[in-house]
PDB file of all heavy atoms in Angstrom:
ATOM      1  N   GLN A   1      -8.883  -4.099  -0.789  1.00  0.00           N
ATOM      2  CA  GLN A   1     -10.264  -4.167  -0.318  1.00  0.00           C
ATOM      3  C   GLN A   1     -10.896  -2.804  -0.535  1.00  0.00           C
ATOM      4  O   GLN A   1     -10.399  -1.796  -0.021  1.00  0.00           O
ATOM      5  CB  GLN A   1     -10.308  -4.540   1.163  1.00  0.00           C
ATOM      6  CG  GLN A   1     -11.707  -4.548   1.752  1.00  0.00           C
ATOM      7  CD  GLN A   1     -12.583  -5.641   1.176  1.00  0.00           C
ATOM      8  OE1 GLN A   1     -12.141  -6.774   1.005  1.00  0.00           O
ATOM      9  NE2 GLN A   1     -13.829  -5.303   0.868  1.00  0.00           N
ATOM     10  N   MET A   2     -11.982  -2.785  -1.284  1.00  0.00           N
ATOM     11  CA  MET A   2     -12.638  -1.527  -1.633  1.00  0.00           C
ATOM     12  C   MET A   2     -14.049  -1.523  -1.056  1.00  0.00           C
ATOM     13  O   MET A   2     -14.873  -2.369  -1.426  1.00  0.00           O
ATOM     14  CB  MET A   2     -12.684  -1.365  -3.155  1.00  0.00           C
ATOM     15  CG  MET A   2     -11.321  -1.465  -3.818  1.00  0.00           C
ATOM     16  SD  MET A   2     -11.364  -1.142  -5.592  1.00  0.00           S
ATOM     17  CE  MET A   2     -12.341  -2.517  -6.156  1.00  0.00           C
ATOM     18  N   ASN A   3     -14.294  -0.604  -0.148  1.00  0.00           N
ATOM     19  CA  ASN A   3     -15.605  -0.469   0.488  1.00  0.00           C
ATOM     20  C   ASN A   3     -16.227   0.874   0.128  1.00  0.00           C
ATOM     21  O   ASN A   3     -15.544   1.785  -0.330  1.00  0.00           O
ATOM     22  CB  ASN A   3     -15.465  -0.580   2.005  1.00  0.00           C
ATOM     23  CG  ASN A   3     -14.932  -1.918   2.452  1.00  0.00           C
ATOM     24  OD1 ASN A   3     -15.165  -2.946   1.819  1.00  0.00           O
ATOM     25  ND2 ASN A   3     -14.185  -1.921   3.555  1.00  0.00           N
ATOM     26  N   SER A   4     -17.522   0.985   0.366  1.00  0.00           N
ATOM     27  CA  SER A   4     -18.248   2.232   0.104  1.00  0.00           C
ATOM     28  C   SER A   4     -17.940   2.753  -1.295  1.00  0.00           C
ATOM     29  O   SER A   4     -17.641   3.939  -1.485  1.00  0.00           O
ATOM     30  CB  SER A   4     -17.886   3.281   1.163  1.00  0.00           C
ATOM     31  OG  SER A   4     -18.181   2.822   2.457  1.00  0.00           O
ATOM     32  N   LEU A   5     -18.036   1.879  -2.255  1.00  0.00           N
ATOM     33  CA  LEU A   5     -17.659   2.244  -3.617  1.00  0.00           C
ATOM     34  C   LEU A   5     -18.592   3.301  -4.195  1.00  0.00           C
ATOM     35  O   LEU A   5     -19.802   3.326  -3.893  1.00  0.00           O
ATOM     36  CB  LEU A   5     -17.650   1.002  -4.507  1.00  0.00           C
ATOM     37  CG  LEU A   5     -16.403   0.115  -4.326  1.00  0.00           C
ATOM     38  CD1 LEU A   5     -16.634  -1.274  -4.875  1.00  0.00           C
ATOM     39  CD2 LEU A   5     -15.202   0.764  -4.996  1.00  0.00           C
ATOM     40  N   LYS A   6     -18.014   4.149  -5.019  1.00  0.00           N
ATOM     41  CA  LYS A   6     -18.741   5.235  -5.661  1.00  0.00           C
ATOM     42  C   LYS A   6     -18.641   5.087  -7.183  1.00  0.00           C
ATOM     43  O   LYS A   6     -17.678   4.485  -7.672  1.00  0.00           O
ATOM     44  CB  LYS A   6     -18.135   6.572  -5.252  1.00  0.00           C
ATOM     45  CG  LYS A   6     -18.055   6.804  -3.761  1.00  0.00           C
ATOM     46  CD  LYS A   6     -17.316   8.099  -3.454  1.00  0.00           C
ATOM     47  CE  LYS A   6     -17.209   8.334  -1.959  1.00  0.00           C
ATOM     48  NZ  LYS A   6     -16.494   9.611  -1.653  1.00  0.00           N
ATOM     49  N   PRO A   7     -19.586   5.641  -7.915  1.00  0.00           N
ATOM     50  CA  PRO A   7     -19.481   5.563  -9.390  1.00  0.00           C
ATOM     51  C   PRO A   7     -18.162   6.100  -9.925  1.00  0.00           C
ATOM     52  O   PRO A   7     -17.639   5.580 -10.919  1.00  0.00           O
ATOM     53  CB  PRO A   7     -20.668   6.418  -9.853  1.00  0.00           C
ATOM     54  CG  PRO A   7     -21.667   6.271  -8.756  1.00  0.00           C
ATOM     55  CD  PRO A   7     -20.862   6.231  -7.489  1.00  0.00           C
ATOM     56  N   GLU A   8     -17.587   7.091  -9.254  1.00  0.00           N
ATOM     57  CA  GLU A   8     -16.314   7.645  -9.721  1.00  0.00           C
ATOM     58  C   GLU A   8     -15.135   6.714  -9.484  1.00  0.00           C
ATOM     59  O   GLU A   8     -14.017   7.004  -9.920  1.00  0.00           O
ATOM     60  CB  GLU A   8     -16.042   9.016  -9.071  1.00  0.00           C
ATOM     61  CG  GLU A   8     -16.175   9.049  -7.573  1.00  0.00           C
ATOM     62  CD  GLU A   8     -17.541   9.529  -7.121  1.00  0.00           C
ATOM     63  OE1 GLU A   8     -18.562   9.110  -7.712  1.00  0.00           O
ATOM     64  OE2 GLU A   8     -17.586  10.323  -6.152  1.00  0.00           O
ATOM     65  N   ASP A   9     -15.353   5.600  -8.794  1.00  0.00           N
ATOM     66  CA  ASP A   9     -14.306   4.596  -8.641  1.00  0.00           C
ATOM     67  C   ASP A   9     -14.234   3.674  -9.865  1.00  0.00           C
ATOM     68  O   ASP A   9     -13.327   2.835  -9.947  1.00  0.00           O
ATOM     69  CB  ASP A   9     -14.542   3.741  -7.394  1.00  0.00           C
ATOM     70  CG  ASP A   9     -14.407   4.536  -6.109  1.00  0.00           C
ATOM     71  OD1 ASP A   9     -13.482   5.371  -6.017  1.00  0.00           O
ATOM     72  OD2 ASP A   9     -15.231   4.322  -5.198  1.00  0.00           O
ATOM     73  N   THR A  10     -15.174   3.809 -10.773  1.00  0.00           N
ATOM     74  CA  THR A  10     -15.178   2.982 -11.976  1.00  0.00           C
ATOM     75  C   THR A  10     -13.916   3.213 -12.788  1.00  0.00           C
ATOM     76  O   THR A  10     -13.572   4.352 -13.114  1.00  0.00           O
ATOM     77  CB  THR A  10     -16.416   3.302 -12.832  1.00  0.00           C
ATOM     78  OG1 THR A  10     -17.596   2.931 -12.121  1.00  0.00           O
ATOM     79  CG2 THR A  10     -16.370   2.558 -14.160  1.00  0.00           C
ATOM     80  N   ALA A  11     -13.202   2.124 -13.086  1.00  0.00           N
ATOM     81  CA  ALA A  11     -11.929   2.218 -13.801  1.00  0.00           C
ATOM     82  C   ALA A  11     -11.381   0.812 -14.019  1.00  0.00           C
ATOM     83  O   ALA A  11     -11.896  -0.162 -13.453  1.00  0.00           O
ATOM     84  CB  ALA A  11     -10.916   3.043 -13.007  1.00  0.00           C
ATOM     85  N   VAL A  12     -10.327   0.728 -14.804  1.00  0.00           N
ATOM     86  CA  VAL A  12      -9.515  -0.482 -14.847  1.00  0.00           C
ATOM     87  C   VAL A  12      -8.448  -0.343 -13.765  1.00  0.00           C
ATOM     88  O   VAL A  12      -7.747   0.676 -13.722  1.00  0.00           O
ATOM     89  CB  VAL A  12      -8.866  -0.685 -16.221  1.00  0.00           C
ATOM     90  CG1 VAL A  12      -7.965  -1.923 -16.204  1.00  0.00           C
ATOM     91  CG2 VAL A  12      -9.928  -0.813 -17.302  1.00  0.00           C
ATOM     92  N   TYR A  13      -8.358  -1.338 -12.920  1.00  0.00           N
ATOM     93  CA  TYR A  13      -7.409  -1.310 -11.809  1.00  0.00           C
ATOM     94  C   TYR A  13      -6.212  -2.197 -12.135  1.00  0.00           C
ATOM     95  O   TYR A  13      -6.380  -3.340 -12.575  1.00  0.00           O
ATOM     96  CB  TYR A  13      -8.088  -1.784 -10.523  1.00  0.00           C
ATOM     97  CG  TYR A  13      -8.969  -0.725  -9.918  1.00  0.00           C
ATOM     98  CD1 TYR A  13     -10.171  -0.378 -10.522  1.00  0.00           C
ATOM     99  CD2 TYR A  13      -8.602  -0.065  -8.750  1.00  0.00           C
ATOM    100  CE1 TYR A  13     -10.975   0.618  -9.981  1.00  0.00           C
ATOM    101  CE2 TYR A  13      -9.398   0.925  -8.200  1.00  0.00           C
ATOM    102  CZ  TYR A  13     -10.582   1.261  -8.814  1.00  0.00           C
ATOM    103  OH  TYR A  13     -11.376   2.248  -8.278  1.00  0.00           O
ATOM    104  N   TYR A  14      -5.033  -1.648 -11.891  1.00  0.00           N
ATOM    105  CA  TYR A  14      -3.783  -2.339 -12.173  1.00  0.00           C
ATOM    106  C   TYR A  14      -2.957  -2.482 -10.904  1.00  0.00           C
ATOM    107  O   TYR A  14      -2.884  -1.547 -10.105  1.00  0.00           O
ATOM    108  CB  TYR A  14      -2.946  -1.557 -13.175  1.00  0.00           C
ATOM    109  CG  TYR A  14      -3.584  -1.352 -14.525  1.00  0.00           C
ATOM    110  CD1 TYR A  14      -4.386  -0.242 -14.770  1.00  0.00           C
ATOM    111  CD2 TYR A  14      -3.364  -2.245 -15.566  1.00  0.00           C
ATOM    112  CE1 TYR A  14      -4.963  -0.038 -16.001  1.00  0.00           C
ATOM    113  CE2 TYR A  14      -3.937  -2.045 -16.814  1.00  0.00           C
ATOM    114  CZ  TYR A  14      -4.740  -0.944 -17.026  1.00  0.00           C
ATOM    115  OH  TYR A  14      -5.311  -0.741 -18.262  1.00  0.00           O
ATOM    116  N   CYS A  15      -2.305  -3.622 -10.743  1.00  0.00           N
ATOM    117  CA  CYS A  15      -1.296  -3.718  -9.697  1.00  0.00           C
ATOM    118  C   CYS A  15       0.078  -3.594 -10.344  1.00  0.00           C
ATOM    119  O   CYS A  15       0.248  -3.858 -11.536  1.00  0.00           O
ATOM    120  CB  CYS A  15      -1.416  -5.005  -8.890  1.00  0.00           C
ATOM    121  SG  CYS A  15      -0.943  -6.509  -9.752  1.00  0.00           S
ATOM    122  N   ALA A  16       1.035  -3.169  -9.547  1.00  0.00           N
ATOM    123  CA  ALA A  16       2.378  -2.917 -10.042  1.00  0.00           C
ATOM    124  C   ALA A  16       3.391  -3.250  -8.956  1.00  0.00           C
ATOM    125  O   ALA A  16       3.071  -3.189  -7.763  1.00  0.00           O
ATOM    126  CB  ALA A  16       2.519  -1.459 -10.457  1.00  0.00           C
ATOM    127  N   ALA A  17       4.597  -3.599  -9.383  1.00  0.00           N
ATOM    128  CA  ALA A  17       5.651  -3.985  -8.447  1.00  0.00           C
ATOM    129  C   ALA A  17       6.884  -3.111  -8.628  1.00  0.00           C
ATOM    130  O   ALA A  17       7.296  -2.814  -9.757  1.00  0.00           O
ATOM    131  CB  ALA A  17       6.019  -5.452  -8.646  1.00  0.00           C
ATOM    132  N   ARG A  18       7.463  -2.741  -7.493  1.00  0.00           N
ATOM    133  CA  ARG A  18       8.701  -2.000  -7.465  1.00  0.00           C
ATOM    134  C   ARG A  18       9.688  -2.830  -6.648  1.00  0.00           C
ATOM    135  O   ARG A  18       9.664  -2.798  -5.419  1.00  0.00           O
ATOM    136  CB  ARG A  18       8.507  -0.626  -6.817  1.00  0.00           C
ATOM    137  CG  ARG A  18       9.781   0.087  -6.448  1.00  0.00           C
ATOM    138  CD  ARG A  18      10.505   0.653  -7.640  1.00  0.00           C
ATOM    139  NE  ARG A  18      11.758   1.302  -7.229  1.00  0.00           N
ATOM    140  CZ  ARG A  18      12.456   2.101  -8.002  1.00  0.00           C
ATOM    141  NH1 ARG A  18      12.036   2.382  -9.237  1.00  0.00           N
ATOM    142  NH2 ARG A  18      13.571   2.636  -7.561  1.00  0.00           N
ATOM    143  N   PRO A  19      10.573  -3.591  -7.280  1.00  0.00           N
ATOM    144  CA  PRO A  19      11.467  -4.457  -6.523  1.00  0.00           C
ATOM    145  C   PRO A  19      12.464  -3.710  -5.637  1.00  0.00           C
ATOM    146  O   PRO A  19      12.747  -4.136  -4.513  1.00  0.00           O
ATOM    147  CB  PRO A  19      12.195  -5.261  -7.601  1.00  0.00           C
ATOM    148  CG  PRO A  19      11.278  -5.229  -8.778  1.00  0.00           C
ATOM    149  CD  PRO A  19      10.629  -3.875  -8.705  1.00  0.00           C
ATOM    150  N   ARG A  20      12.985  -2.598  -6.139  1.00  0.00           N
ATOM    151  CA  ARG A  20      14.026  -1.907  -5.385  1.00  0.00           C
ATOM    152  C   ARG A  20      13.441  -0.736  -4.597  1.00  0.00           C
ATOM    153  O   ARG A  20      12.345  -0.273  -4.860  1.00  0.00           O
ATOM    154  CB  ARG A  20      15.110  -1.410  -6.336  1.00  0.00           C
ATOM    155  CG  ARG A  20      15.771  -2.534  -7.118  1.00  0.00           C
ATOM    156  CD  ARG A  20      16.891  -2.029  -7.999  1.00  0.00           C
ATOM    157  NE  ARG A  20      17.995  -1.497  -7.214  1.00  0.00           N
ATOM    158  CZ  ARG A  20      19.100  -1.004  -7.744  1.00  0.00           C
ATOM    159  NH1 ARG A  20      19.228  -0.935  -9.059  1.00  0.00           N
ATOM    160  NH2 ARG A  20      20.075  -0.550  -6.979  1.00  0.00           N
ATOM    161  N   TYR A  21      14.243  -0.223  -3.658  1.00  0.00           N
ATOM    162  CA  TYR A  21      13.769   0.835  -2.774  1.00  0.00           C
ATOM    163  C   TYR A  21      13.295   2.060  -3.562  1.00  0.00           C
ATOM    164  O   TYR A  21      13.886   2.439  -4.570  1.00  0.00           O
ATOM    165  CB  TYR A  21      14.881   1.261  -1.805  1.00  0.00           C
ATOM    166  CG  TYR A  21      14.467   2.441  -0.953  1.00  0.00           C
ATOM    167  CD1 TYR A  21      13.618   2.262   0.120  1.00  0.00           C
ATOM    168  CD2 TYR A  21      14.900   3.728  -1.271  1.00  0.00           C
ATOM    169  CE1 TYR A  21      13.215   3.340   0.884  1.00  0.00           C
ATOM    170  CE2 TYR A  21      14.502   4.813  -0.510  1.00  0.00           C
ATOM    171  CZ  TYR A  21      13.654   4.607   0.565  1.00  0.00           C
ATOM    172  OH  TYR A  21      13.254   5.681   1.307  1.00  0.00           O
ATOM    173  N   ALA A  22      12.248   2.677  -3.065  1.00  0.00           N
ATOM    174  CA  ALA A  22      11.758   3.948  -3.593  1.00  0.00           C
ATOM    175  C   ALA A  22      11.204   4.749  -2.426  1.00  0.00           C
ATOM    176  O   ALA A  22      10.670   4.177  -1.472  1.00  0.00           O
ATOM    177  CB  ALA A  22      10.670   3.722  -4.649  1.00  0.00           C
ATOM    178  N   THR A  23      11.331   6.063  -2.501  1.00  0.00           N
ATOM    179  CA  THR A  23      10.793   6.905  -1.439  1.00  0.00           C
ATOM    180  C   THR A  23       9.265   6.904  -1.494  1.00  0.00           C
ATOM    181  O   THR A  23       8.679   6.584  -2.543  1.00  0.00           O
ATOM    182  CB  THR A  23      11.302   8.342  -1.587  1.00  0.00           C
ATOM    183  OG1 THR A  23      10.822   8.864  -2.835  1.00  0.00           O
ATOM    184  CG2 THR A  23      12.829   8.389  -1.569  1.00  0.00           C
ATOM    185  N   PRO A  24       8.623   7.252  -0.399  1.00  0.00           N
ATOM    186  CA  PRO A  24       7.155   7.265  -0.405  1.00  0.00           C
ATOM    187  C   PRO A  24       6.563   8.110  -1.537  1.00  0.00           C
ATOM    188  O   PRO A  24       5.577   7.702  -2.159  1.00  0.00           O
ATOM    189  CB  PRO A  24       6.816   7.847   0.967  1.00  0.00           C
ATOM    190  CG  PRO A  24       7.946   7.387   1.833  1.00  0.00           C
ATOM    191  CD  PRO A  24       9.161   7.473   0.957  1.00  0.00           C
ATOM    192  N   SER A  25       7.134   9.243  -1.807  1.00  0.00           N
ATOM    193  CA  SER A  25       6.578  10.079  -2.865  1.00  0.00           C
ATOM    194  C   SER A  25       6.723   9.426  -4.237  1.00  0.00           C
ATOM    195  O   SER A  25       5.870   9.604  -5.118  1.00  0.00           O
ATOM    196  CB  SER A  25       7.241  11.454  -2.866  1.00  0.00           C
ATOM    197  OG  SER A  25       8.628  11.339  -3.105  1.00  0.00           O
TER     198      SER A  25
END
């Protein structure tokens, strides 16, 4: 959910999946 959108938010947006554990960083 994207609110208060700005011109600098213009981009192609991708989703991605990480099945196995990964640290927050």
